[in-house]
Protein backbone atom coordinates (compact mmCIF):
# COMPACT_ATOMS: atom_id res chain seq x y z
CA UNK A 1 -9.74 -9.71 -6.81
CA UNK A 2 -8.48 -6.27 -7.79
CA UNK A 3 -9.61 -2.96 -6.33
CA UNK A 4 -9.54 0.58 -7.61
CA UNK A 5 -10.37 3.69 -5.56
CA UNK A 6 -12.99 6.25 -6.57
CA UNK A 7 -11.95 9.92 -6.20
CA UNK A 8 -14.43 10.30 -3.31
CA UNK A 9 -12.75 7.37 -1.56
CA UNK A 10 -9.33 8.97 -1.97
CA UNK A 11 -10.52 12.28 -0.48
CA UNK A 12 -11.81 10.53 2.62
CA UNK A 13 -8.85 8.17 2.87
CA UNK A 14 -6.42 11.11 3.06
CA UNK A 15 -8.25 12.38 6.16
CA UNK A 16 -7.90 9.11 8.09
CA UNK A 17 -5.59 8.83 11.08
CA UNK A 18 -2.39 6.79 10.52
CA UNK A 19 -3.72 3.84 12.54
CA UNK A 20 -6.90 3.77 10.49
CA UNK A 21 -4.88 3.82 7.26
CA UNK A 22 -2.81 0.88 8.48
CA UNK A 23 -5.94 -1.07 9.45
CA UNK A 24 -7.44 -0.33 6.02
CA UNK A 25 -4.33 -1.65 4.27
CA UNK A 26 -4.49 -4.87 6.29
CA UNK A 27 -8.19 -5.39 5.52
CA UNK A 28 -7.72 -4.40 1.87
CA UNK A 29 -5.07 -7.09 1.48
CA UNK A 30 -7.38 -9.60 3.14
CA UNK A 31 -10.19 -8.51 0.79
CA UNK A 32 -7.99 -8.89 -2.29
CA UNK A 33 -7.11 -12.46 -1.30
CA UNK A 34 -10.57 -13.49 -0.04
CA UNK A 35 -13.40 -10.95 -0.43
CA UNK A 36 -15.73 -13.02 1.74
CA UNK A 37 -13.41 -13.68 4.66
CA UNK A 38 -15.66 -13.66 7.76
CA UNK A 39 -13.51 -10.96 9.41
CA UNK A 40 -14.64 -8.49 6.73
CA UNK A 41 -18.37 -9.04 7.30
CA UNK A 42 -18.88 -8.45 3.57
CA UNK A 43 -22.57 -7.80 2.97
CA UNK A 44 -24.97 -6.27 0.46
CA UNK A 45 -26.48 -2.87 1.21
CA UNK A 46 -29.96 -1.48 0.75
CA UNK A 47 -31.56 1.95 0.52
CA UNK A 48 -29.40 4.64 -1.04
CA UNK A 49 -26.57 2.10 -1.40
CA UNK A 50 -28.64 -0.60 -3.10
CA UNK A 51 -26.35 -2.52 -5.47
CA UNK A 52 -23.29 -1.79 -3.32
CA UNK A 53 -21.55 -3.87 -0.68
CA UNK A 54 -19.75 -3.01 2.54
CA UNK A 55 -16.78 -4.42 4.42
CA UNK A 56 -15.71 -3.71 7.98
CA UNK A 57 -12.30 -2.14 8.46
CA UNK A 58 -12.26 -1.97 12.22
CA UNK A 59 -14.23 -0.37 14.98
CA UNK A 60 -16.87 1.76 13.29
CA UNK A 61 -15.00 2.23 9.99
CA UNK A 62 -16.54 0.82 6.78
CA UNK A 63 -15.69 0.72 3.07
CA UNK A 64 -18.54 0.83 0.56
CA UNK A 65 -17.73 -0.71 -2.80
CA UNK A 66 -19.37 -2.10 -5.91
CA UNK A 67 -18.24 -4.72 -8.36
CA UNK A 68 -17.52 -3.24 -11.79
CA UNK A 69 -16.42 -6.61 -13.19
CA UNK A 70 -16.22 -10.16 -11.87
CA UNK A 71 -12.82 -9.50 -10.34
CA UNK A 72 -12.70 -5.69 -9.97
CA UNK A 73 -14.11 -3.76 -7.01
CA UNK A 74 -14.51 0.01 -7.04
CA UNK A 75 -13.99 1.39 -3.52
CA UNK A 76 -16.55 4.19 -3.47
CA UNK A 77 -16.15 5.64 0.02
CA UNK A 78 -14.72 5.02 3.48
CA UNK A 79 -16.32 6.43 6.62
CA UNK A 80 -17.91 5.56 9.93
CA UNK A 81 -21.06 3.51 10.02
CA UNK A 82 -23.08 6.42 11.43
CA UNK A 83 -21.90 8.85 8.74
CA UNK A 84 -22.57 6.43 5.90
CA UNK A 85 -26.03 5.30 6.89
CA UNK A 86 -27.71 8.51 8.09
């Protein structure tokens, strides 16, 4: 699996604390090797994010992504669960 960040993702990523960035990098690497590793809790979304999927980064932090090809994920945004699903 390959991943590419959306500009919105990059804006939010820059604002993360260093520990959150490190946790993201660990989970990203896990995602790239096995997108459905149980630790990631990879699941389909509904509502305004229908057609997208989410993975857990740690604590309340989530990444929303969509597949743009069989092996390419577009990371759309990263934020807390409560901010994403208002």
